[in-house]
C-alpha cells in the first residue's frame, strides 16, 4: 500500500524510537513489549536502522530538537547494540544546539559501561522507572529492582555526569496507603532531581492487574484516597520547587520534558520501531506491533506502517484542545488562532466552555484556557467535553 505520509513527508523536530524488549513483564503494563529471552534483538536493531533510513531526506531537512527512546525497556539492549543504533541515527540527523535526548531505563539495568555508552552517543536525559521506594509494593507490582538499587542507580548516573534525570512514581497501587505513598515521595525528593513523573495507576486490558480486578482480587485505594495522593504529590512537588507543568509531570524551571511538550503542543513527530506511533503531515500513523510482523514489513518495504489516518479540521481542533489542556498553562488563544484562523471560545466552544466555567473546571483569560485545580482531578471528563458534535 502507498502511504501518503511517506509520499509527502513533513518536517519534524522530534523522534520517538520504541524498544519493545523487557527482562520482566510488570503486572500493570500494557505497552507493546515482549520478554527479551530468545528474541532477535540484533535483527531488530538492524530493522530500526533501515526504517529510519527510509526517512533519510526528511530527517536531514532540519535539526532535531528532541529524541525519546522508550519501551519496553531500552536499557535491556547491550552497550554494543545501543552504540550501533545511535551511531546510525547520528549519521541521519543533525542535532539542534539545545537538543534533548531522553533514554528510558530500569534501575537494575544501570551499569557504568552502559551509562558511558549513552553519554558518548549523545544521550543527555535519563528517565528512570522506579514507581515506588517500598520493596514490598515493588514485588507486588512485578518490579524486579528494589529501593536501594534505584537510589544507587540514580547516584551512579550522577557520578557519570547525567544531571538531567527524571524518575517515575505510581500511586493508587494495590494495598498502598497515603502514608506509604508519602514515604516514596519523600525519598524521591531526597534525591533532589530536576524532574518527576507521577502517575495514577490505570488498569488496562490484557494486564495481570486487570484480570485480578475482574476477579475481585485487586485491593485498590478508594477514589478519595487516590485524590488525596494526587493532592499530596502536587503539594510536595510545588513546595520543593518542581512546577506542576502537566497533569502528571513536575520539573524545575528549564527541566520540563521538551519531547513530551511536543506531544502536548500537538506537534509532528517521527515514530520508529514495533508498535510505534507517529504524527506527520497531518497523518497519525502506527507501525506493526508484533516483532516478526515488524521485521518482515521493514524487510519487504523499508518501513513498518500498518495504518495511517488523516486528521480533518474537526479532529485537529479536538486534539489541540485535549492535548493542550493537559498542560498547566493550557491552550493559547493566539496559537490556536494562528493555526486554525478562529478563536476557540467565540467561534467554536463558547457553550461548552461556559458550562465548564460554571462548574469551576476551567479558567478562561484573554490569553488562554486552562484547567482549575479541581479540573485537574477529573481531566478526562473535561477533555471529553471538547468533542465536537457532528452536524
Protein backbone atom coordinates (compact mmCIF):
# COMPACT_ATOMS: atom_id res chain seq x y z
CA UNK A 1 0.00 0.00 0.00
CA UNK A 2 1.18 3.54 -0.75
CA UNK A 3 1.07 5.64 2.39
CA UNK A 4 0.54 9.37 1.89
CA UNK A 5 2.74 10.43 4.76
CA UNK A 6 5.68 8.61 3.16
CA UNK A 7 4.99 10.25 -0.20
CA UNK A 8 4.77 13.72 1.35
CA UNK A 9 6.98 13.59 4.41
CA UNK A 10 6.64 16.63 6.64
CA UNK A 11 9.37 18.23 8.64
CA UNK A 12 9.51 17.36 12.32
CA UNK A 13 11.96 18.18 15.06
CA UNK A 14 11.11 15.21 17.31
CA UNK A 15 11.81 11.47 17.12
CA UNK A 16 10.40 8.59 19.18
CA UNK A 17 12.12 5.17 18.99
CA UNK A 18 10.47 2.12 20.55
CA UNK A 19 12.45 -0.73 22.10
CA UNK A 20 9.89 -3.47 22.91
CA UNK A 21 12.09 -5.84 24.94
CA UNK A 22 11.81 -6.42 28.68
CA UNK A 23 13.68 -8.71 31.05
CA UNK A 24 10.46 -8.99 33.07
CA UNK A 25 6.83 -8.04 32.38
CA UNK A 26 5.27 -5.79 35.04
CA UNK A 27 1.73 -6.58 36.15
CA UNK A 28 0.26 -3.19 35.16
CA UNK A 29 1.98 -2.61 31.80
CA UNK A 30 0.07 -2.71 28.51
CA UNK A 31 2.74 -1.15 26.27
CA UNK A 32 3.93 -3.07 23.23
CA UNK A 33 6.56 -5.33 24.76
CA UNK A 34 7.92 -8.89 24.79
CA UNK A 35 10.13 -10.90 27.10
CA UNK A 36 13.64 -10.48 25.68
CA UNK A 37 14.81 -14.09 26.10
CA UNK A 38 15.15 -15.71 22.66
CA UNK A 39 14.14 -12.59 20.74
CA UNK A 40 16.02 -11.46 17.57
CA UNK A 41 17.35 -8.31 19.19
CA UNK A 42 20.25 -7.73 16.80
CA UNK A 43 17.93 -8.15 13.82
CA UNK A 44 15.52 -5.68 15.43
CA UNK A 45 18.27 -3.07 15.74
CA UNK A 46 19.15 -3.61 12.07
CA UNK A 47 15.49 -3.14 11.11
CA UNK A 48 15.21 0.03 13.18
CA UNK A 49 18.18 1.46 11.33
CA UNK A 50 16.68 0.53 7.96
CA UNK A 51 13.31 2.02 8.91
CA UNK A 52 14.92 5.32 9.92
CA UNK A 53 16.85 5.37 6.65
CA UNK A 54 13.52 5.36 4.76
CA UNK A 55 13.00 8.87 6.18
CA UNK A 56 16.55 9.99 5.37
CA UNK A 57 15.63 13.04 3.27
CA UNK A 58 13.06 14.36 5.73
CA UNK A 59 15.32 13.77 8.75
CA UNK A 60 18.09 15.77 7.09
CA UNK A 61 15.95 18.83 6.36
CA UNK A 62 16.23 20.48 9.77
CA UNK A 63 17.97 19.96 13.12
CA UNK A 64 16.35 17.53 15.55
CA UNK A 65 15.42 19.06 18.89
CA UNK A 66 14.14 16.04 20.83
CA UNK A 67 14.70 12.29 20.76
CA UNK A 68 12.99 9.87 23.13
CA UNK A 69 13.93 6.19 23.40
CA UNK A 70 11.09 4.36 25.13
CA UNK A 71 9.77 0.85 25.64
CA UNK A 72 9.51 -1.79 26.73
CA UNK A 73 12.84 -1.37 28.40
CA UNK A 74 15.51 0.26 26.19
CA UNK A 75 18.17 -0.47 28.80
CA UNK A 76 17.84 -4.21 28.11
CA UNK A 77 19.93 -3.60 24.98
CA UNK A 78 23.66 -4.18 25.31
CA UNK A 79 26.18 -1.36 25.03
CA UNK A 80 27.23 -2.63 21.59
CA UNK A 81 23.62 -2.69 20.34
CA UNK A 82 22.98 0.80 21.68
CA UNK A 83 26.13 2.18 20.12
CA UNK A 84 25.27 0.62 16.74
CA UNK A 85 21.75 2.07 16.80
CA UNK A 86 22.75 5.56 17.86
CA UNK A 87 25.75 5.75 15.53
CA UNK A 88 23.40 5.05 12.62
CA UNK A 89 20.88 7.59 13.89
CA UNK A 90 23.50 10.30 14.26
CA UNK A 91 24.55 9.73 10.65
CA UNK A 92 20.99 10.60 9.55
CA UNK A 93 20.34 13.69 11.64
CA UNK A 94 21.80 16.94 12.86
CA UNK A 95 21.09 17.76 16.48
CA UNK A 96 19.94 21.26 17.43
CA UNK A 97 22.33 23.10 19.79
CA UNK A 98 19.91 22.79 22.75
CA UNK A 99 18.68 19.28 21.94
CA UNK A 100 17.12 16.90 24.47
CA UNK A 101 17.91 13.18 24.07
CA UNK A 102 15.99 11.05 26.59
CA UNK A 103 16.59 7.37 27.32
CA UNK A 104 14.29 5.24 29.49
CA UNK A 105 15.93 2.81 31.87
CA UNK A 106 15.19 0.48 34.75
CA UNK A 107 17.35 0.81 37.88
CA UNK A 108 18.59 -2.78 37.73
CA UNK A 109 19.82 -2.36 34.12
CA UNK A 110 22.12 0.52 35.01
CA UNK A 111 25.86 -0.13 34.71
CA UNK A 112 28.76 2.30 34.42
CA UNK A 113 29.61 0.85 30.99
CA UNK A 114 26.10 1.36 29.65
CA UNK A 115 25.89 4.88 31.04
CA UNK A 116 29.25 5.76 29.46
CA UNK A 117 27.93 4.46 26.12
CA UNK A 118 24.80 6.57 26.41
CA UNK A 119 26.87 9.62 27.26
CA UNK A 120 29.15 9.02 24.28
CA UNK A 121 26.31 8.77 21.74
CA UNK A 122 24.65 11.99 22.90
CA UNK A 123 22.01 10.99 25.47
CA UNK A 124 21.65 13.89 27.91
CA UNK A 125 18.49 12.97 29.84
CA UNK A 126 17.56 9.77 31.69
CA UNK A 127 14.03 8.70 32.58
CA UNK A 128 14.12 6.02 35.27
CA UNK A 129 11.15 3.78 36.07
CA UNK A 130 11.24 3.47 39.86
CA UNK A 131 7.45 3.50 40.63
CA UNK A 132 7.85 3.10 44.40
CA UNK A 133 10.53 3.02 47.10
CA UNK A 134 8.66 0.33 49.04
CA UNK A 135 10.21 -3.10 48.44
CA UNK A 136 7.00 -4.96 49.28
CA UNK A 137 4.99 -2.89 46.82
CA UNK A 138 7.66 -3.26 44.15
CA UNK A 139 7.35 -7.02 44.45
CA UNK A 140 3.55 -6.89 44.35
CA UNK A 141 3.50 -4.89 41.08
CA UNK A 142 6.02 -7.13 39.35
CA UNK A 143 9.11 -4.91 39.51
CA UNK A 144 12.43 -6.73 39.82
CA UNK A 145 14.50 -3.90 41.32
CA UNK A 146 14.45 -2.82 44.95
CA UNK A 147 14.54 0.64 46.53
CA UNK A 148 18.26 0.68 47.29
CA UNK A 149 19.07 -0.36 43.72
CA UNK A 150 17.07 2.63 42.50
CA UNK A 151 18.90 5.01 44.80
CA UNK A 152 22.27 3.55 43.78
CA UNK A 153 21.36 3.77 40.08
CA UNK A 154 20.50 7.46 40.35
CA UNK A 155 23.75 8.20 42.20
CA UNK A 156 25.80 6.24 39.64
CA UNK A 157 24.19 8.17 36.78
CA UNK A 158 25.02 11.41 38.53
CA UNK A 159 28.62 10.31 39.03
CA UNK A 160 28.89 9.52 35.31
CA UNK A 161 27.75 13.08 34.56
CA UNK A 162 23.99 12.94 33.99
CA UNK A 163 22.40 15.92 35.69
CA UNK A 164 19.06 15.82 33.86
CA UNK A 165 17.35 12.80 35.42
CA UNK A 166 13.64 12.11 35.80
CA UNK A 167 12.07 9.32 37.83
CA UNK A 168 8.59 7.80 37.56
CA UNK A 169 6.36 7.08 40.54
CA UNK A 170 2.91 5.45 40.56
CA UNK A 171 0.15 5.96 43.12
CA UNK A 172 -3.14 4.08 43.67
CA UNK A 173 -1.19 0.83 43.79
CA UNK A 174 -2.82 -2.27 45.35
CA UNK A 175 -2.61 -2.07 49.12
CA UNK A 176 -0.96 1.37 49.03
CA UNK A 177 -1.77 3.84 51.80
CA UNK A 178 -1.36 7.62 51.77
CA UNK A 179 1.47 7.31 54.30
CA UNK A 180 3.18 4.73 52.12
CA UNK A 181 2.95 6.97 49.07
CA UNK A 182 4.25 9.92 51.08
CA UNK A 183 7.31 7.89 52.09
CA UNK A 184 8.09 7.21 48.41
CA UNK A 185 7.56 10.88 47.54
CA UNK A 186 9.89 11.95 50.33
CA UNK A 187 12.57 9.50 49.22
CA UNK A 188 12.24 10.64 45.60
CA UNK A 189 12.60 14.29 46.61
CA UNK A 190 15.59 13.42 48.82
CA UNK A 191 17.41 12.52 45.59
CA UNK A 192 16.97 16.19 44.60
CA UNK A 193 16.28 15.52 40.92
CA UNK A 194 15.11 18.17 38.44
CA UNK A 195 12.08 16.24 37.14
CA UNK A 196 9.47 13.78 38.35
CA UNK A 197 6.62 11.98 36.56
CA UNK A 198 3.89 10.81 38.92
CA UNK A 199 1.02 8.74 37.55
CA UNK A 200 -2.15 7.22 38.94
CA UNK A 201 -2.41 3.51 38.20
CA UNK A 202 -4.58 2.81 35.16
CA UNK A 203 -5.99 -0.68 34.74
CA UNK A 204 -5.53 -1.67 31.11
CA UNK A 205 -6.96 -4.76 29.47
CA UNK A 206 -4.63 -7.70 28.87
CA UNK A 207 -2.62 -6.99 32.02
CA UNK A 208 -2.26 -9.13 35.14
CA UNK A 209 -3.81 -6.38 37.27
CA UNK A 210 -6.83 -6.04 35.01
CA UNK A 211 -7.54 -9.76 35.27
CA UNK A 212 -7.15 -9.66 39.05
CA UNK A 213 -9.53 -6.69 39.24
CA UNK A 214 -12.13 -8.60 37.20
CA UNK A 215 -11.82 -11.44 39.73
CA UNK A 216 -12.23 -9.08 42.69
CA UNK A 217 -8.68 -9.80 43.87
CA UNK A 218 -7.09 -6.36 43.50
CA UNK A 219 -7.34 -4.24 46.70
CA UNK A 220 -7.08 -0.73 45.26
CA UNK A 221 -7.25 2.52 47.24
CA UNK A 222 -10.61 4.31 47.11
CA UNK A 223 -11.29 7.29 44.82
CA UNK A 224 -10.96 9.61 47.83
CA UNK A 225 -7.61 8.07 48.74
CA UNK A 226 -6.48 8.40 45.13
CA UNK A 227 -7.45 12.09 45.16
CA UNK A 228 -5.55 12.59 48.42
CA UNK A 229 -2.44 11.01 46.86
CA UNK A 230 -2.67 13.26 43.81
CA UNK A 231 -3.10 16.32 46.06
CA UNK A 232 -0.12 15.24 48.15
CA UNK A 233 2.02 14.86 45.02
CA UNK A 234 1.09 18.35 43.79
CA UNK A 235 1.74 19.99 47.14
CA UNK A 236 5.02 18.15 47.78
CA UNK A 237 6.40 18.88 44.33
CA UNK A 238 5.39 22.54 44.27
CA UNK A 239 6.79 23.07 47.78
CA UNK A 240 10.13 21.61 46.64
CA UNK A 241 10.33 23.91 43.59
CA UNK A 242 9.15 21.41 40.97
CA UNK A 243 6.48 23.17 38.94
CA UNK A 244 3.36 21.17 38.10
CA UNK A 245 3.54 21.90 34.37
CA UNK A 246 1.41 18.96 33.11
CA UNK A 247 -1.16 16.71 34.80
CA UNK A 248 1.42 14.01 35.65
CA UNK A 249 4.71 15.92 35.39
CA UNK A 250 6.72 18.21 37.64
CA UNK A 251 10.01 19.94 36.91
CA UNK A 252 12.36 22.68 37.94
CA UNK A 253 12.25 25.67 35.55
CA UNK A 254 14.10 24.73 32.37
CA UNK A 255 13.87 20.98 33.03
CA UNK A 256 10.39 20.33 31.63
CA UNK A 257 10.41 17.44 29.15
CA UNK A 258 10.82 19.09 25.74
CA UNK A 259 9.87 15.88 23.95
CA UNK A 260 6.62 15.36 25.83
CA UNK A 261 5.79 19.04 25.42
CA UNK A 262 6.00 18.45 21.66
CA UNK A 263 3.20 15.88 22.07
CA UNK A 264 1.07 18.19 24.20
CA UNK A 265 1.68 21.09 21.79
CA UNK A 266 0.23 18.81 19.08
CA UNK A 267 3.44 18.95 17.03
CA UNK A 268 4.59 16.45 14.40
CA UNK A 269 6.98 13.66 15.39
CA UNK A 270 8.54 10.56 13.85
CA UNK A 271 7.74 7.18 15.38
CA UNK A 272 10.17 4.31 14.74
CA UNK A 273 10.03 0.71 15.94
CA UNK A 274 7.50 -2.07 16.53
CA UNK A 275 4.15 -0.65 17.62
CA UNK A 276 5.43 2.93 17.48
CA UNK A 277 3.06 5.76 16.62
CA UNK A 278 3.91 8.97 14.80
CA UNK A 279 2.30 12.15 13.52
CA UNK A 280 3.48 13.63 10.22
CA UNK A 281 1.97 15.81 7.53
CA UNK A 282 -1.49 15.67 9.12
CA UNK A 283 -1.44 11.86 9.43
CA UNK A 284 -1.45 9.86 12.63
CA UNK A 285 0.20 6.53 11.85
CA UNK A 286 1.06 3.26 13.56
CA UNK A 287 3.66 0.58 12.90
CA UNK A 288 3.19 -3.18 13.04
CA UNK A 289 3.32 -4.29 16.68
CA UNK A 290 4.36 -7.97 16.78
CA UNK A 291 8.14 -8.26 16.39
CA UNK A 292 8.11 -10.70 13.48
CA UNK A 293 5.48 -8.64 11.63
CA UNK A 294 7.59 -5.54 12.13
CA UNK A 295 10.78 -7.24 10.91
CA UNK A 296 9.06 -8.64 7.82
CA UNK A 297 7.45 -5.31 6.93
CA UNK A 298 10.76 -3.46 7.10
CA UNK A 299 12.49 -6.20 5.10
CA UNK A 300 9.79 -6.19 2.40
CA UNK A 301 9.04 -2.48 2.05
CA UNK A 302 11.61 -0.49 4.02
CA UNK A 303 9.06 0.78 6.56
CA UNK A 304 6.59 -0.78 9.00
CA UNK A 305 3.45 1.35 8.73
CA UNK A 306 0.27 -0.68 9.09
CA UNK A 307 -2.24 2.14 9.45
CA UNK A 308 -2.48 5.87 8.81
CA UNK A 309 -5.35 8.27 9.48
CA UNK A 310 -5.59 11.77 8.11
CA UNK A 311 -6.99 14.24 10.63
CA UNK A 312 -9.65 16.56 9.27
CA UNK A 313 -10.02 20.07 10.68
CA UNK A 314 -12.55 18.95 13.32
CA UNK A 315 -10.22 16.21 14.59
CA UNK A 316 -7.22 18.53 14.62
CA UNK A 317 -9.14 21.06 16.71
CA UNK A 318 -10.28 18.39 19.16
CA UNK A 319 -6.72 17.12 19.61
CA UNK A 320 -5.41 20.66 20.03
CA UNK A 321 -7.78 21.08 22.96
CA UNK A 322 -7.33 17.58 24.50
CA UNK A 323 -3.56 17.75 24.43
CA UNK A 324 -3.13 21.41 25.28
CA UNK A 325 -5.36 21.24 28.34
CA UNK A 326 -3.04 18.62 29.85
CA UNK A 327 -0.52 21.45 30.32
CA UNK A 328 -0.73 23.68 33.37
CA UNK A 329 -0.69 26.74 31.11
CA UNK A 330 -3.42 25.25 28.92
CA UNK A 331 -4.31 26.24 25.36
CA UNK A 332 -3.11 29.56 23.97
CA UNK A 333 -5.81 31.55 22.18
CA UNK A 334 -3.25 33.18 19.90
CA UNK A 335 -1.55 29.91 18.95
CA UNK A 336 -4.96 28.40 18.25
CA UNK A 337 -5.96 31.40 16.11
CA UNK A 338 -2.67 31.23 14.19
CA UNK A 339 -3.22 27.56 13.48
CA UNK A 340 -6.95 27.46 12.74
CA UNK A 341 -7.89 31.04 11.87
CA UNK A 342 -10.51 31.44 14.57
CA UNK A 343 -10.96 31.82 18.33
CA UNK A 344 -11.77 28.58 20.15
CA UNK A 345 -14.10 30.34 22.58
CA UNK A 346 -16.00 32.85 20.46
CA UNK A 347 -16.23 30.71 17.33
CA UNK A 348 -16.42 27.05 18.44
CA UNK A 349 -16.66 26.18 22.13
CA UNK A 350 -18.50 29.08 23.81
CA UNK A 351 -21.34 26.98 25.26
CA UNK A 352 -19.00 24.15 26.27
CA UNK A 353 -16.54 26.47 28.00
CA UNK A 354 -19.28 28.47 29.72
CA UNK A 355 -20.65 25.22 31.15
CA UNK A 356 -17.18 24.19 32.37
CA UNK A 357 -16.66 27.67 33.86
CA UNK A 358 -19.89 27.30 35.81
CA UNK A 359 -18.57 24.01 37.23
CA UNK A 360 -15.23 25.61 38.17
CA UNK A 361 -13.33 23.14 35.97
CA UNK A 362 -11.53 25.64 33.71
CA UNK A 363 -10.26 29.23 33.70
CA UNK A 364 -10.61 31.43 30.62
CA UNK A 365 -8.50 34.57 30.22
CA UNK A 366 -7.79 36.89 27.32
CA UNK A 367 -4.73 34.75 26.58
CA UNK A 368 -5.60 31.13 27.31
CA UNK A 369 -7.84 28.37 28.65
CA UNK A 370 -6.56 26.06 31.38
CA UNK A 371 -7.81 23.58 33.97
CA UNK A 372 -8.56 24.63 37.53
CA UNK A 373 -7.18 22.64 40.43
CA UNK A 374 -10.46 20.71 40.54
CA UNK A 375 -10.39 20.24 36.77
CA UNK A 376 -7.00 18.55 37.04
CA UNK A 377 -8.55 15.77 39.14
CA UNK A 378 -11.14 14.87 36.51
CA UNK A 379 -9.21 15.86 33.42
CA UNK A 380 -10.54 13.07 31.21
CA UNK A 381 -14.13 14.18 31.81
CA UNK A 382 -13.20 17.74 30.86
CA UNK A 383 -11.40 16.61 27.71
CA UNK A 384 -14.46 14.70 26.51
CA UNK A 385 -16.47 17.91 26.55
CA UNK A 386 -14.39 19.14 23.61
CA UNK A 387 -15.63 16.50 21.20
CA UNK A 388 -17.42 18.45 18.50
CA UNK A 389 -20.90 17.18 17.69
CA UNK A 390 -21.42 16.32 14.05
CA UNK A 391 -24.00 18.46 12.27
